[in-house]
Amino acid sequence: MKKLQVGSVLLAGIVAAGAAWAHGGATGIVKERMDAMSDIGGQMKAVGRMLRAGSYDPALVSSAGATIAGHSGKTLVDLFPEGSLEAPTEASPAIWTDRAKFRAYSDDLQAAARAMKQLADRGADMQEVAGAFAELGGTCKTCHEAFRIKK
């Protein structure tokens, strides 16, 4: 369980740092989606720091889950209209050639974020939330491996 938590925390940090660095010169829909990804990364980083510190804050987890869920599902898919590959995007053209898979991953992200939020809202303990956080981080990783340009 600890390895999964540490891996998720590292993933969240990498996502947040990478998103912040990559925004230079982004405009329009590309900037909108990069901003959304930065917000997701920031929320992941906050929850990861909390879990690493062992200072469980259900309100933080609930808020992070709601924010991430709000940026995912159809909302996220809509940030990737056909042909929106302007620099400095990190989006792979595979997003548009395998749209169904991309939609499924975005829906998985939303479901995992909602599940983490619901656990916090119902008073789950930190270990349960850490498991949900690890699952959420796994959805980010899976999608990025399939649909993000490797640099």
Protein backbone atom coordinates (compact mmCIF):
# COMPACT_ATOMS: atom_id res chain seq x y z
CA MET A 1 0.00 0.00 0.00
CA LYS A 2 2.82 2.42 0.89
CA LYS A 3 4.51 1.91 -2.51
CA LEU A 4 1.23 2.68 -4.26
CA GLN A 5 0.80 5.86 -2.20
CA VAL A 6 4.36 7.03 -2.87
CA GLY A 7 3.98 6.29 -6.60
CA SER A 8 0.76 8.27 -6.75
CA VAL A 9 2.32 11.19 -4.92
CA LEU A 10 5.25 11.19 -7.33
CA LEU A 11 2.90 11.00 -10.31
CA ALA A 12 0.90 13.96 -9.05
CA GLY A 13 4.06 16.00 -8.61
CA ILE A 14 5.29 15.16 -12.09
CA VAL A 15 1.93 16.05 -13.62
CA ALA A 16 1.81 19.41 -11.83
CA ALA A 17 5.42 20.34 -12.62
CA GLY A 18 5.16 19.29 -16.25
CA ALA A 19 1.96 21.20 -16.81
CA ALA A 20 3.33 24.40 -15.29
CA TRP A 21 6.47 24.28 -17.45
CA ALA A 22 4.65 23.52 -20.70
CA HIS A 23 2.22 26.47 -20.79
CA GLY A 24 4.55 28.97 -22.43
CA GLY A 25 2.85 30.46 -25.47
CA ALA A 26 -0.37 28.44 -25.27
CA THR A 27 -3.53 30.20 -26.44
CA GLY A 28 -7.19 29.40 -27.04
CA ILE A 29 -8.46 25.88 -26.44
CA VAL A 30 -4.92 24.55 -25.97
CA LYS A 31 -4.38 26.96 -23.07
CA GLU A 32 -7.81 26.12 -21.64
CA ARG A 33 -7.04 22.42 -21.54
CA MET A 34 -3.52 23.01 -20.22
CA ASP A 35 -5.02 25.14 -17.45
CA ALA A 36 -7.51 22.38 -16.65
CA MET A 37 -4.72 19.80 -16.55
CA SER A 38 -2.70 22.12 -14.27
CA ASP A 39 -5.68 22.40 -11.95
CA ILE A 40 -6.04 18.62 -11.89
CA GLY A 41 -2.31 18.28 -11.23
CA GLY A 42 -2.45 20.85 -8.45
CA GLN A 43 -5.32 19.03 -6.78
CA MET A 44 -3.47 15.72 -7.06
CA LYS A 45 -0.37 17.31 -5.60
CA ALA A 46 -2.32 18.74 -2.64
CA VAL A 47 -3.89 15.39 -1.80
CA GLY A 48 -0.56 13.62 -2.28
CA ARG A 49 1.20 16.02 0.09
CA MET A 50 -1.55 15.54 2.64
CA LEU A 51 -1.32 11.75 2.45
CA ARG A 52 2.46 11.82 2.63
CA ALA A 53 2.30 14.04 5.72
CA GLY A 54 -0.25 11.74 7.34
CA SER A 55 -2.51 14.67 8.20
CA TYR A 56 -5.83 13.53 6.76
CA ASP A 57 -8.18 16.34 5.79
CA PRO A 58 -11.47 15.00 4.39
CA ALA A 59 -12.57 18.48 3.25
CA LEU A 60 -9.42 18.86 1.11
CA VAL A 61 -9.97 15.43 -0.44
CA SER A 62 -13.63 16.16 -1.12
CA SER A 63 -12.83 19.48 -2.73
CA ALA A 64 -10.03 17.99 -4.83
CA GLY A 65 -12.28 15.15 -5.97
CA ALA A 66 -15.01 17.60 -6.97
CA THR A 67 -12.57 19.80 -8.89
CA ILE A 68 -11.01 16.88 -10.74
CA ALA A 69 -14.41 15.39 -11.55
CA GLY A 70 -15.50 18.78 -12.85
CA HIS A 71 -12.58 18.85 -15.28
CA SER A 72 -13.12 15.30 -16.53
CA GLY A 73 -15.69 13.29 -18.45
CA LYS A 74 -17.35 15.19 -21.30
CA THR A 75 -15.88 18.48 -20.08
CA LEU A 76 -12.37 17.19 -20.69
CA VAL A 77 -13.21 15.58 -24.03
CA ASP A 78 -14.70 18.87 -25.23
CA LEU A 79 -11.34 20.57 -24.61
CA PHE A 80 -9.88 18.45 -27.42
CA PRO A 81 -11.79 19.45 -30.56
CA GLU A 82 -10.60 17.96 -33.84
CA GLY A 83 -7.38 19.51 -35.08
CA SER A 84 -6.42 21.40 -31.91
CA LEU A 85 -2.77 20.48 -32.08
CA GLU A 86 -1.23 23.96 -31.91
CA ALA A 87 2.07 24.26 -30.07
CA PRO A 88 2.82 23.89 -27.23
CA THR A 89 0.25 21.10 -26.95
CA GLU A 90 1.34 17.76 -25.58
CA ALA A 91 -1.75 16.07 -27.00
CA SER A 92 -1.08 13.12 -29.26
CA PRO A 93 -2.99 12.86 -32.56
CA ALA A 94 -4.14 9.48 -31.20
CA ILE A 95 -6.77 11.41 -29.21
CA TRP A 96 -8.64 11.91 -32.47
CA THR A 97 -7.91 8.53 -34.06
CA ASP A 98 -9.06 6.59 -30.98
CA ARG A 99 -11.70 8.95 -29.66
CA ALA A 100 -13.74 6.21 -27.98
CA LYS A 101 -10.77 5.13 -25.87
CA PHE A 102 -10.01 8.76 -24.97
CA ARG A 103 -13.64 9.29 -23.90
CA ALA A 104 -13.52 6.12 -21.81
CA TYR A 105 -10.35 7.25 -20.03
CA SER A 106 -11.87 10.66 -19.35
CA ASP A 107 -14.98 8.98 -17.94
CA ASP A 108 -12.74 6.72 -15.81
CA LEU A 109 -11.01 9.82 -14.45
CA GLN A 110 -14.35 11.34 -13.52
CA ALA A 111 -15.57 8.15 -11.85
CA ALA A 112 -12.34 7.76 -9.85
CA ALA A 113 -12.44 11.41 -8.73
CA ARG A 114 -16.07 11.08 -7.66
CA ALA A 115 -15.29 7.85 -5.80
CA MET A 116 -12.47 9.53 -3.88
CA LYS A 117 -14.75 12.48 -3.04
CA GLN A 118 -17.54 10.18 -1.88
CA LEU A 119 -15.16 8.31 0.41
CA ALA A 120 -14.08 11.56 2.04
CA ASP A 121 -17.68 12.77 2.30
CA ARG A 122 -18.81 9.61 4.07
CA GLY A 123 -15.95 9.71 6.58
CA ALA A 124 -13.70 7.01 5.19
CA ASP A 125 -10.31 6.67 6.83
CA MET A 126 -7.04 7.82 5.31
CA GLN A 127 -6.08 4.34 4.12
CA GLU A 128 -9.30 3.99 2.09
CA VAL A 129 -8.80 7.44 0.60
CA ALA A 130 -5.17 6.61 -0.21
CA GLY A 131 -6.36 3.60 -2.17
CA ALA A 132 -8.84 5.72 -4.10
CA PHE A 133 -6.15 8.33 -4.70
CA ALA A 134 -3.84 5.67 -6.10
CA GLU A 135 -6.60 4.52 -8.45
CA LEU A 136 -7.19 8.10 -9.54
CA GLY A 137 -3.48 8.58 -10.20
CA GLY A 138 -3.52 5.38 -12.23
CA THR A 139 -6.21 6.80 -14.51
CA CYS A 140 -4.04 9.86 -15.15
CA LYS A 141 -1.04 7.70 -15.93
CA THR A 142 -2.94 5.37 -18.25
CA CYS A 143 -4.35 8.23 -20.29
CA HIS A 144 -1.06 10.10 -20.45
CA GLU A 145 0.73 6.97 -21.64
CA ALA A 146 -1.77 6.55 -24.46
CA PHE A 147 -2.53 10.14 -25.44
CA ARG A 148 0.28 12.45 -24.36
CA ILE A 149 3.33 13.09 -26.50
CA LYS A 150 6.41 11.75 -24.80
CA LYS A 151 9.09 14.41 -24.51
